[in-house]
Amino acid sequence: MSYFLTWENAAWIYSVIVGLALARYFMFIASLLQEPKAIKFYYPYLVFTLANILNLYWSWYIGKTFYTQIEGHTLAFSLRTFMDAIGCIGALMIVPPDKLLEGFFDMKTWFMNIKRVFCLIMALYTLALIMLIVLFYVKSTTVEGQHVRISRAIGYLVSMLLYVGSAFSKNDYYLSFHGTFTVVGALLNLSQL
């Protein structure tokens, strides 16, 4: 049964899902630029949106590498597929429906309406990533390899806790810090491609 769990079998589904999520962001940005409307900007919303775009790109480019590392492992493959689906759902949640863009668009109001569910979904995504790192990725018998594995898991644990905090926070400074932290993390991930 595990011979189906290969990158070749998952690639087209993965590419379509991540590609559609990215296309939705492009349509959102194009809609805002084509017909400039009254927009109330909100920094935390902007940085979380940027972080999601960067993370989708990162996911797109590392997909083959990560999936080929876990080929044949049913649990790992299922967990990775679940993680990618949750990541795309979270990323798509932040993009408002087209009808909200027809008039005045208040980024803060929109973000506060979706923030709790969005942040909890992203915390779940991060938890799945921690589980994959601990159980399957960066398997090494060297002490240095184990330290890399542990430090990555701890870094993502901090990220998960920040998402849980953001889900319940109404503090603009905390949300701004967390959003900026997320963008910096996404840029670090992209710099290692």
N, C-alpha and C. Protein backbone atom coordinates (compact mmCIF):
# COMPACT_ATOMS: atom_id res chain seq x y z
N MET A 1 0.82 -1.20 0.00
CA MET A 1 0.00 0.00 0.00
C MET A 1 0.86 1.26 0.00
N SER A 2 2.02 1.22 0.67
CA SER A 2 2.83 2.42 0.79
C SER A 2 3.53 2.80 -0.51
N TYR A 3 3.50 1.92 -1.53
CA TYR A 3 4.12 2.27 -2.81
C TYR A 3 3.35 3.38 -3.52
N PHE A 4 2.13 3.69 -3.08
CA PHE A 4 1.37 4.82 -3.62
C PHE A 4 1.81 6.14 -2.98
N LEU A 5 2.44 6.04 -1.83
CA LEU A 5 2.82 7.25 -1.09
C LEU A 5 4.18 7.75 -1.57
N THR A 6 4.19 8.25 -2.80
CA THR A 6 5.41 8.78 -3.40
C THR A 6 5.16 10.20 -3.89
N TRP A 7 6.22 10.92 -4.10
CA TRP A 7 6.12 12.29 -4.60
C TRP A 7 5.43 12.31 -5.96
N GLU A 8 5.72 11.36 -6.82
CA GLU A 8 5.12 11.33 -8.15
C GLU A 8 3.60 11.26 -8.07
N ASN A 9 3.08 10.53 -7.11
CA ASN A 9 1.62 10.42 -6.95
C ASN A 9 1.02 11.64 -6.27
N ALA A 10 1.77 12.28 -5.40
CA ALA A 10 1.24 13.42 -4.65
C ALA A 10 1.50 14.77 -5.33
N ALA A 11 2.44 14.81 -6.26
CA ALA A 11 2.90 16.08 -6.82
C ALA A 11 1.79 16.90 -7.48
N TRP A 12 0.97 16.26 -8.27
CA TRP A 12 -0.05 17.04 -8.99
C TRP A 12 -1.08 17.61 -8.02
N ILE A 13 -1.47 16.84 -6.99
CA ILE A 13 -2.43 17.34 -6.01
C ILE A 13 -1.81 18.49 -5.23
N TYR A 14 -0.58 18.28 -4.78
CA TYR A 14 0.14 19.28 -4.01
C TYR A 14 0.30 20.57 -4.81
N SER A 15 0.72 20.44 -6.05
CA SER A 15 0.93 21.62 -6.90
C SER A 15 -0.35 22.39 -7.12
N VAL A 16 -1.45 21.67 -7.35
CA VAL A 16 -2.73 22.33 -7.58
C VAL A 16 -3.19 23.07 -6.33
N ILE A 17 -3.11 22.42 -5.17
CA ILE A 17 -3.58 23.03 -3.93
C ILE A 17 -2.78 24.28 -3.59
N VAL A 18 -1.46 24.18 -3.58
CA VAL A 18 -0.63 25.34 -3.27
C VAL A 18 -0.76 26.39 -4.36
N GLY A 19 -0.83 25.96 -5.61
CA GLY A 19 -0.98 26.90 -6.72
C GLY A 19 -2.29 27.68 -6.65
N LEU A 20 -3.37 27.00 -6.28
CA LEU A 20 -4.66 27.70 -6.15
C LEU A 20 -4.64 28.69 -4.98
N ALA A 21 -3.98 28.32 -3.91
CA ALA A 21 -3.88 29.24 -2.77
C ALA A 21 -3.10 30.49 -3.17
N LEU A 22 -1.99 30.31 -3.87
CA LEU A 22 -1.22 31.46 -4.34
C LEU A 22 -2.01 32.30 -5.34
N ALA A 23 -2.75 31.64 -6.23
CA ALA A 23 -3.56 32.37 -7.21
C ALA A 23 -4.61 33.23 -6.52
N ARG A 24 -5.17 32.73 -5.43
CA ARG A 24 -6.18 33.52 -4.69
C ARG A 24 -5.55 34.78 -4.12
N TYR A 25 -4.32 34.71 -3.64
CA TYR A 25 -3.61 35.89 -3.15
C TYR A 25 -3.37 36.88 -4.29
N PHE A 26 -2.96 36.36 -5.45
CA PHE A 26 -2.71 37.24 -6.58
C PHE A 26 -3.98 37.95 -7.02
N MET A 27 -5.11 37.23 -7.02
CA MET A 27 -6.39 37.84 -7.40
C MET A 27 -6.79 38.91 -6.39
N PHE A 28 -6.56 38.66 -5.12
CA PHE A 28 -6.87 39.62 -4.07
C PHE A 28 -6.05 40.90 -4.25
N ILE A 29 -4.75 40.76 -4.46
CA ILE A 29 -3.89 41.93 -4.64
C ILE A 29 -4.25 42.68 -5.91
N ALA A 30 -4.50 41.94 -7.00
CA ALA A 30 -4.88 42.58 -8.27
C ALA A 30 -6.19 43.33 -8.12
N SER A 31 -7.15 42.78 -7.40
CA SER A 31 -8.43 43.44 -7.19
C SER A 31 -8.25 44.76 -6.44
N LEU A 32 -7.38 44.74 -5.44
CA LEU A 32 -7.13 45.98 -4.70
C LEU A 32 -6.44 47.04 -5.56
N LEU A 33 -5.57 46.59 -6.46
CA LEU A 33 -4.82 47.53 -7.30
C LEU A 33 -5.61 48.03 -8.51
N GLN A 34 -6.48 47.18 -9.05
CA GLN A 34 -7.24 47.56 -10.24
C GLN A 34 -8.28 48.63 -9.94
N GLU A 35 -8.95 48.46 -8.86
CA GLU A 35 -9.99 49.41 -8.49
C GLU A 35 -9.70 49.92 -7.08
N PRO A 36 -8.80 50.90 -7.00
CA PRO A 36 -8.45 51.40 -5.66
C PRO A 36 -9.70 51.87 -4.91
N LYS A 37 -9.83 51.34 -3.73
CA LYS A 37 -10.98 51.68 -2.90
C LYS A 37 -10.46 52.31 -1.62
N ALA A 38 -11.38 52.73 -0.82
CA ALA A 38 -11.00 53.21 0.49
C ALA A 38 -10.61 52.01 1.33
N ILE A 39 -9.39 52.02 1.81
CA ILE A 39 -8.88 50.90 2.60
C ILE A 39 -8.33 51.45 3.91
N LYS A 40 -8.70 50.80 4.99
CA LYS A 40 -8.11 51.12 6.28
C LYS A 40 -7.06 50.05 6.54
N PHE A 41 -5.80 50.45 6.45
CA PHE A 41 -4.70 49.51 6.59
C PHE A 41 -4.49 49.13 8.05
N TYR A 42 -4.02 47.90 8.25
CA TYR A 42 -3.74 47.39 9.58
C TYR A 42 -2.48 46.53 9.50
N TYR A 43 -1.43 46.97 10.17
CA TYR A 43 -0.12 46.34 10.05
C TYR A 43 -0.14 44.83 10.35
N PRO A 44 -0.73 44.36 11.45
CA PRO A 44 -0.71 42.91 11.69
C PRO A 44 -1.34 42.10 10.55
N TYR A 45 -2.42 42.61 9.97
CA TYR A 45 -3.04 41.91 8.85
C TYR A 45 -2.07 41.85 7.67
N LEU A 46 -1.41 42.95 7.39
CA LEU A 46 -0.48 42.99 6.25
C LEU A 46 0.68 42.02 6.43
N VAL A 47 1.26 41.96 7.65
CA VAL A 47 2.41 41.08 7.83
C VAL A 47 2.01 39.61 7.86
N PHE A 48 0.85 39.29 8.43
CA PHE A 48 0.41 37.89 8.38
C PHE A 48 0.09 37.48 6.94
N THR A 49 -0.46 38.38 6.16
CA THR A 49 -0.73 38.09 4.75
C THR A 49 0.58 37.86 4.00
N LEU A 50 1.56 38.75 4.21
CA LEU A 50 2.86 38.59 3.57
C LEU A 50 3.52 37.29 4.00
N ALA A 51 3.46 36.96 5.29
CA ALA A 51 4.05 35.72 5.78
C ALA A 51 3.41 34.51 5.11
N ASN A 52 2.10 34.55 4.91
CA ASN A 52 1.43 33.43 4.26
C ASN A 52 1.87 33.27 2.81
N ILE A 53 2.02 34.39 2.11
CA ILE A 53 2.49 34.31 0.72
C ILE A 53 3.90 33.71 0.68
N LEU A 54 4.78 34.19 1.55
CA LEU A 54 6.15 33.67 1.59
C LEU A 54 6.18 32.20 1.97
N ASN A 55 5.34 31.80 2.92
CA ASN A 55 5.30 30.39 3.33
C ASN A 55 4.74 29.49 2.23
N LEU A 56 3.78 29.99 1.46
CA LEU A 56 3.28 29.20 0.34
C LEU A 56 4.36 29.00 -0.71
N TYR A 57 5.14 30.04 -0.99
CA TYR A 57 6.27 29.89 -1.92
C TYR A 57 7.28 28.88 -1.39
N TRP A 58 7.62 29.00 -0.12
CA TRP A 58 8.57 28.08 0.50
C TRP A 58 8.05 26.65 0.39
N SER A 59 6.78 26.47 0.72
CA SER A 59 6.17 25.15 0.65
C SER A 59 6.21 24.60 -0.77
N TRP A 60 5.94 25.47 -1.74
CA TRP A 60 5.96 25.06 -3.14
C TRP A 60 7.34 24.52 -3.53
N TYR A 61 8.40 25.22 -3.15
CA TYR A 61 9.74 24.86 -3.59
C TYR A 61 10.36 23.71 -2.80
N ILE A 62 9.95 23.49 -1.56
CA ILE A 62 10.53 22.41 -0.79
C ILE A 62 9.67 21.15 -0.80
N GLY A 63 8.52 21.23 -1.43
CA GLY A 63 7.60 20.10 -1.42
C GLY A 63 8.24 18.80 -1.87
N LYS A 64 8.90 18.81 -3.00
CA LYS A 64 9.49 17.58 -3.53
C LYS A 64 10.52 17.00 -2.57
N THR A 65 11.38 17.85 -2.03
CA THR A 65 12.42 17.39 -1.11
C THR A 65 11.81 16.75 0.13
N PHE A 66 10.85 17.42 0.74
CA PHE A 66 10.26 16.90 1.96
C PHE A 66 9.45 15.63 1.71
N TYR A 67 8.70 15.60 0.63
CA TYR A 67 7.89 14.42 0.36
C TYR A 67 8.76 13.21 0.00
N THR A 68 9.84 13.40 -0.73
CA THR A 68 10.69 12.26 -1.08
C THR A 68 11.42 11.71 0.14
N GLN A 69 11.64 12.54 1.17
CA GLN A 69 12.28 12.05 2.40
C GLN A 69 11.38 11.07 3.16
N ILE A 70 10.08 11.18 2.97
CA ILE A 70 9.14 10.35 3.75
C ILE A 70 8.36 9.37 2.87
N GLU A 71 8.82 9.16 1.64
CA GLU A 71 8.12 8.23 0.76
C GLU A 71 8.06 6.85 1.41
N GLY A 72 6.89 6.23 1.33
CA GLY A 72 6.71 4.90 1.86
C GLY A 72 6.32 4.84 3.33
N HIS A 73 6.43 5.94 4.05
CA HIS A 73 6.04 6.00 5.46
C HIS A 73 4.61 6.52 5.55
N THR A 74 3.68 5.64 5.80
CA THR A 74 2.26 6.00 5.79
C THR A 74 1.94 7.12 6.76
N LEU A 75 2.39 7.00 8.00
CA LEU A 75 2.08 8.01 9.01
C LEU A 75 2.68 9.37 8.64
N ALA A 76 3.94 9.37 8.26
CA ALA A 76 4.61 10.62 7.91
C ALA A 76 3.97 11.27 6.68
N PHE A 77 3.68 10.47 5.68
CA PHE A 77 3.08 10.99 4.46
C PHE A 77 1.70 11.58 4.74
N SER A 78 0.92 10.87 5.55
CA SER A 78 -0.41 11.36 5.91
C SER A 78 -0.32 12.64 6.72
N LEU A 79 0.62 12.68 7.66
CA LEU A 79 0.80 13.87 8.49
C LEU A 79 1.24 15.06 7.65
N ARG A 80 2.13 14.82 6.70
CA ARG A 80 2.60 15.90 5.82
C ARG A 80 1.47 16.40 4.93
N THR A 81 0.66 15.50 4.41
CA THR A 81 -0.47 15.88 3.57
C THR A 81 -1.47 16.70 4.38
N PHE A 82 -1.76 16.25 5.60
CA PHE A 82 -2.66 16.97 6.50
C PHE A 82 -2.10 18.36 6.80
N MET A 83 -0.80 18.43 7.08
CA MET A 83 -0.15 19.71 7.38
C MET A 83 -0.29 20.68 6.21
N ASP A 84 -0.04 20.23 5.01
CA ASP A 84 -0.14 21.10 3.84
C ASP A 84 -1.58 21.56 3.61
N ALA A 85 -2.53 20.67 3.81
CA ALA A 85 -3.94 21.05 3.64
C ALA A 85 -4.33 22.11 4.67
N ILE A 86 -3.94 21.90 5.92
CA ILE A 86 -4.24 22.86 6.98
C ILE A 86 -3.55 24.20 6.70
N GLY A 87 -2.31 24.16 6.24
CA GLY A 87 -1.58 25.39 5.91
C GLY A 87 -2.28 26.19 4.81
N CYS A 88 -2.77 25.49 3.79
CA CYS A 88 -3.48 26.18 2.70
C CYS A 88 -4.81 26.73 3.18
N ILE A 89 -5.52 25.99 4.03
CA ILE A 89 -6.79 26.49 4.56
C ILE A 89 -6.54 27.76 5.37
N GLY A 90 -5.53 27.71 6.25
CA GLY A 90 -5.19 28.90 7.04
C GLY A 90 -4.79 30.07 6.16
N ALA A 91 -4.00 29.79 5.14
CA ALA A 91 -3.57 30.86 4.24
C ALA A 91 -4.75 31.47 3.49
N LEU A 92 -5.70 30.65 3.08
CA LEU A 92 -6.86 31.16 2.35
C LEU A 92 -7.84 31.90 3.25
N MET A 93 -7.84 31.59 4.52
CA MET A 93 -8.77 32.27 5.44
C MET A 93 -8.52 33.76 5.54
N ILE A 94 -7.28 34.16 5.39
CA ILE A 94 -6.92 35.56 5.59
C ILE A 94 -7.34 36.43 4.41
N VAL A 95 -7.59 35.81 3.25
CA VAL A 95 -8.02 36.55 2.07
C VAL A 95 -9.53 36.76 2.15
N PRO A 96 -9.97 38.02 2.11
CA PRO A 96 -11.42 38.28 2.24
C PRO A 96 -12.19 37.86 1.00
N PRO A 97 -13.48 37.59 1.16
CA PRO A 97 -14.32 37.30 -0.02
C PRO A 97 -14.40 38.54 -0.92
N ASP A 98 -14.62 38.31 -2.19
CA ASP A 98 -14.66 39.41 -3.16
C ASP A 98 -15.69 40.47 -2.81
N LYS A 99 -16.83 40.08 -2.24
CA LYS A 99 -17.88 41.05 -1.93
C LYS A 99 -17.41 42.09 -0.90
N LEU A 100 -16.48 41.70 -0.02
CA LEU A 100 -15.95 42.67 0.96
C LEU A 100 -15.06 43.72 0.31
N LEU A 101 -14.56 43.42 -0.87
CA LEU A 101 -13.66 44.33 -1.55
C LEU A 101 -14.40 45.32 -2.45
N GLU A 102 -15.72 45.21 -2.52
CA GLU A 102 -16.49 46.09 -3.40
C GLU A 102 -16.61 47.51 -2.85
N GLY A 103 -16.52 47.66 -1.57
CA GLY A 103 -16.64 48.99 -0.97
C GLY A 103 -15.45 49.26 -0.08
N PHE A 104 -15.70 49.89 1.04
CA PHE A 104 -14.67 50.20 2.01
C PHE A 104 -14.16 48.90 2.64
N PHE A 105 -12.85 48.71 2.66
CA PHE A 105 -12.26 47.51 3.23
C PHE A 105 -11.45 47.88 4.45
N ASP A 106 -11.94 47.46 5.62
CA ASP A 106 -11.26 47.71 6.89
C ASP A 106 -10.49 46.44 7.27
N MET A 107 -9.17 46.49 7.10
CA MET A 107 -8.34 45.32 7.35
C MET A 107 -8.41 44.86 8.80
N LYS A 108 -8.48 45.80 9.73
CA LYS A 108 -8.51 45.43 11.14
C LYS A 108 -9.81 44.69 11.48
N THR A 109 -10.93 45.20 11.03
CA THR A 109 -12.20 44.55 11.31
C THR A 109 -12.21 43.14 10.73
N TRP A 110 -11.75 43.00 9.48
CA TRP A 110 -11.71 41.68 8.85
C TRP A 110 -10.80 40.74 9.62
N PHE A 111 -9.60 41.22 9.96
CA PHE A 111 -8.64 40.36 10.65
C PHE A 111 -9.15 39.94 12.02
N MET A 112 -9.75 40.86 12.75
CA MET A 112 -10.28 40.52 14.08
C MET A 112 -11.42 39.50 13.99
N ASN A 113 -12.18 39.54 12.89
CA ASN A 113 -13.27 38.57 12.70
C ASN A 113 -12.75 37.15 12.47
N ILE A 114 -11.60 37.03 11.82
CA ILE A 114 -11.09 35.70 11.47
C ILE A 114 -9.89 35.28 12.31
N LYS A 115 -9.36 36.19 13.10
CA LYS A 115 -8.08 35.98 13.79
C LYS A 115 -8.05 34.72 14.64
N ARG A 116 -9.06 34.50 15.45
CA ARG A 116 -9.03 33.36 16.37
C ARG A 116 -8.94 32.03 15.60
N VAL A 117 -9.81 31.84 14.63
CA VAL A 117 -9.80 30.58 13.87
C VAL A 117 -8.52 30.48 13.04
N PHE A 118 -8.13 31.58 12.41
CA PHE A 118 -6.91 31.59 11.60
C PHE A 118 -5.70 31.20 12.44
N CYS A 119 -5.53 31.82 13.59
CA CYS A 119 -4.36 31.55 14.44
C CYS A 119 -4.38 30.13 15.00
N LEU A 120 -5.55 29.62 15.36
CA LEU A 120 -5.62 28.25 15.86
C LEU A 120 -5.33 27.23 14.76
N ILE A 121 -5.78 27.52 13.55
CA ILE A 121 -5.46 26.63 12.42
C ILE A 121 -3.95 26.66 12.15
N MET A 122 -3.34 27.83 12.21
CA MET A 122 -1.90 27.93 11.98
C MET A 122 -1.12 27.28 13.13
N ALA A 123 -1.66 27.31 14.35
CA ALA A 123 -1.02 26.60 15.47
C ALA A 123 -1.08 25.09 15.23
N LEU A 124 -2.20 24.61 14.70
CA LEU A 124 -2.33 23.19 14.36
C LEU A 124 -1.34 22.81 13.25
N TYR A 125 -1.20 23.68 12.26
CA TYR A 125 -0.22 23.47 11.19
C TYR A 125 1.19 23.35 11.78
N THR A 126 1.52 24.24 12.69
CA THR A 126 2.85 24.24 13.30
C THR A 126 3.06 23.00 14.16
N LEU A 127 2.02 22.57 14.86
CA LEU A 127 2.11 21.33 15.65
C LEU A 127 2.40 20.13 14.76
N ALA A 128 1.74 20.06 13.61
CA ALA A 128 1.99 18.97 12.66
C ALA A 128 3.43 19.04 12.16
N LEU A 129 3.94 20.24 11.92
CA LEU A 129 5.32 20.40 11.48
C LEU A 129 6.30 19.95 12.55
N ILE A 130 6.03 20.28 13.81
CA ILE A 130 6.88 19.83 14.92
C ILE A 130 6.90 18.31 14.98
N MET A 131 5.73 17.70 14.85
CA MET A 131 5.66 16.24 14.89
C MET A 131 6.48 15.62 13.76
N LEU A 132 6.41 16.19 12.57
CA LEU A 132 7.19 15.67 11.45
C LEU A 132 8.69 15.81 11.70
N ILE A 133 9.10 16.95 12.22
CA ILE A 133 10.52 17.17 12.48
C ILE A 133 11.03 16.17 13.52
N VAL A 134 10.28 16.03 14.60
CA VAL A 134 10.71 15.15 15.68
C VAL A 134 10.70 13.69 15.25
N LEU A 135 9.68 13.28 14.51
CA LEU A 135 9.53 11.87 14.18
C LEU A 135 10.26 11.43 12.90
N PHE A 136 10.36 12.33 11.91
CA PHE A 136 10.82 11.84 10.61
C PHE A 136 11.93 12.63 9.94
N TYR A 137 11.92 13.96 10.06
CA TYR A 137 12.90 14.75 9.32
C TYR A 137 14.19 14.90 10.11
N VAL A 138 15.22 15.20 9.40
CA VAL A 138 16.54 15.48 9.95
C VAL A 138 16.99 14.31 10.85
N LYS A 139 16.78 13.11 10.36
CA LYS A 139 17.24 11.95 11.11
C LYS A 139 18.75 11.87 10.95
N SER A 140 19.42 11.92 12.07
CA SER A 140 20.87 11.90 12.04
C SER A 140 21.37 11.22 13.30
N THR A 141 22.47 10.53 13.14
CA THR A 141 23.08 9.89 14.30
C THR A 141 24.13 10.78 14.93
N THR A 142 24.50 11.87 14.26
CA THR A 142 25.51 12.76 14.83
C THR A 142 24.88 13.68 15.86
N VAL A 143 25.68 14.12 16.79
CA VAL A 143 25.22 15.04 17.82
C VAL A 143 24.79 16.36 17.19
N GLU A 144 25.55 16.82 16.20
CA GLU A 144 25.21 18.08 15.53
C GLU A 144 23.86 17.98 14.82
N GLY A 145 23.62 16.85 14.17
CA GLY A 145 22.34 16.65 13.49
C GLY A 145 21.18 16.62 14.46
N GLN A 146 21.38 16.00 15.61
CA GLN A 146 20.34 15.98 16.64
C GLN A 146 20.07 17.37 17.19
N HIS A 147 21.12 18.17 17.35
CA HIS A 147 20.95 19.55 17.84
C HIS A 147 20.16 20.38 16.84
N VAL A 148 20.40 20.20 15.55
CA VAL A 148 19.65 20.91 14.52
C VAL A 148 18.18 20.52 14.60
N ARG A 149 17.93 19.26 14.75
CA ARG A 149 16.55 18.75 14.84
C ARG A 149 15.83 19.32 16.06
N ILE A 150 16.49 19.30 17.19
CA ILE A 150 15.89 19.82 18.42
C ILE A 150 15.68 21.32 18.34
N SER A 151 16.66 22.05 17.81
CA SER A 151 16.51 23.52 17.72
C SER A 151 15.39 23.91 16.77
N ARG A 152 15.21 23.18 15.69
CA ARG A 152 14.09 23.47 14.78
C ARG A 152 12.76 23.20 15.47
N ALA A 153 12.68 22.09 16.17
CA ALA A 153 11.43 21.76 16.87
C ALA A 153 11.12 22.82 17.93
N ILE A 154 12.13 23.29 18.66
CA ILE A 154 11.91 24.33 19.67
C ILE A 154 11.48 25.64 19.03
N GLY A 155 12.11 25.99 17.91
CA GLY A 155 11.73 27.22 17.19
C GLY A 155 10.28 27.18 16.74
N TYR A 156 9.85 26.03 16.22
CA TYR A 156 8.46 25.91 15.79
C TYR A 156 7.50 25.82 16.97
N LEU A 157 7.97 25.30 18.11
CA LEU A 157 7.15 25.29 19.32
C LEU A 157 6.87 26.73 19.78
N VAL A 158 7.89 27.57 19.72
CA VAL A 158 7.72 29.00 20.06
C VAL A 158 6.71 29.63 19.10
N SER A 159 6.84 29.31 17.82
CA SER A 159 5.91 29.84 16.82
C SER A 159 4.48 29.39 17.11
N MET A 160 4.32 28.12 17.47
CA MET A 160 2.98 27.61 17.77
C MET A 160 2.39 28.33 18.98
N LEU A 161 3.20 28.56 20.02
CA LEU A 161 2.71 29.26 21.21
C LEU A 161 2.35 30.71 20.89
N LEU A 162 3.11 31.34 20.00
CA LEU A 162 2.78 32.70 19.57
C LEU A 162 1.43 32.73 18.86
N TYR A 163 1.16 31.72 18.02
CA TYR A 163 -0.14 31.65 17.35
C TYR A 163 -1.28 31.49 18.35
N VAL A 164 -1.08 30.65 19.35
CA VAL A 164 -2.11 30.47 20.37
C VAL A 164 -2.33 31.79 21.12
N GLY A 165 -1.24 32.48 21.45
CA GLY A 165 -1.37 33.79 22.10
C GLY A 165 -2.09 34.80 21.22
N SER A 166 -1.79 34.81 19.94
CA SER A 166 -2.43 35.75 19.01
C SER A 166 -3.91 35.45 18.84
N ALA A 167 -4.27 34.18 18.95
CA ALA A 167 -5.69 33.81 18.80
C ALA A 167 -6.55 34.51 19.85
N PHE A 168 -5.99 34.75 21.02
CA PHE A 168 -6.77 35.32 22.11
C PHE A 168 -6.37 36.76 22.46
N SER A 169 -5.40 37.30 21.76
CA SER A 169 -4.92 38.65 22.06
C SER A 169 -5.65 39.70 21.21
N LYS A 170 -5.90 40.83 21.82
CA LYS A 170 -6.44 41.98 21.09
C LYS A 170 -5.42 43.11 21.08
N ASN A 171 -4.23 42.82 21.57
CA ASN A 171 -3.17 43.81 21.67
C ASN A 171 -2.49 43.99 20.31
N ASP A 172 -2.60 45.19 19.75
CA ASP A 172 -2.01 45.46 18.43
C ASP A 172 -0.50 45.29 18.43
N TYR A 173 0.16 45.62 19.53
CA TYR A 173 1.62 45.50 19.59
C TYR A 173 2.05 44.04 19.57
N TYR A 174 1.34 43.20 20.31
CA TYR A 174 1.64 41.77 20.31
C TYR A 174 1.41 41.18 18.93
N LEU A 175 0.27 41.51 18.32
CA LEU A 175 -0.03 40.99 16.99
C LEU A 175 0.99 41.48 15.96
N SER A 176 1.43 42.73 16.10
CA SER A 176 2.44 43.27 15.20
C SER A 176 3.77 42.54 15.37
N PHE A 177 4.15 42.31 16.64
CA PHE A 177 5.38 41.57 16.91
C PHE A 177 5.31 40.17 16.32
N HIS A 178 4.20 39.47 16.59
CA HIS A 178 4.07 38.11 16.09
C HIS A 178 4.07 38.06 14.56
N GLY A 179 3.34 38.97 13.93
CA GLY A 179 3.32 39.02 12.47
C GLY A 179 4.70 39.28 11.88
N THR A 180 5.43 40.21 12.49
CA THR A 180 6.79 40.52 12.02
C THR A 180 7.70 39.31 12.23
N PHE A 181 7.59 38.67 13.38
CA PHE A 181 8.35 37.45 13.68
C PHE A 181 8.08 36.38 12.63
N THR A 182 6.83 36.25 12.23
CA THR A 182 6.43 35.25 11.24
C THR A 182 7.03 35.57 9.87
N VAL A 183 7.03 36.84 9.50
CA VAL A 183 7.64 37.23 8.22
C VAL A 183 9.14 36.95 8.24
N VAL A 184 9.80 37.29 9.33
CA VAL A 184 11.25 37.04 9.44
C VAL A 184 11.53 35.53 9.33
N GLY A 185 10.72 34.72 10.00
CA GLY A 185 10.87 33.27 9.90
C GLY A 185 10.67 32.77 8.49
N ALA A 186 9.67 33.30 7.79
CA ALA A 186 9.42 32.90 6.40
C ALA A 186 10.58 33.31 5.50
N LEU A 187 11.13 34.50 5.73
CA LEU A 187 12.28 34.94 4.94
C LEU A 187 13.50 34.08 5.20
N LEU A 188 13.70 33.67 6.45
CA LEU A 188 14.81 32.75 6.77
C LEU A 188 14.63 31.42 6.08
N ASN A 189 13.41 30.90 6.06
CA ASN A 189 13.14 29.65 5.36
C ASN A 189 13.45 29.79 3.87
N LEU A 190 13.01 30.90 3.27
CA LEU A 190 13.26 31.11 1.84
C LEU A 190 14.74 31.29 1.55
N SER A 191 15.48 31.89 2.47
CA SER A 191 16.91 32.11 2.24
C SER A 191 17.70 30.80 2.23
N GLN A 192 17.11 29.73 2.75
CA GLN A 192 17.81 28.44 2.80
C GLN A 192 17.46 27.53 1.63
N LEU A 193 16.70 28.05 0.67
CA LEU A 193 16.37 27.23 -0.51
C LEU A 193 17.59 27.00 -1.35
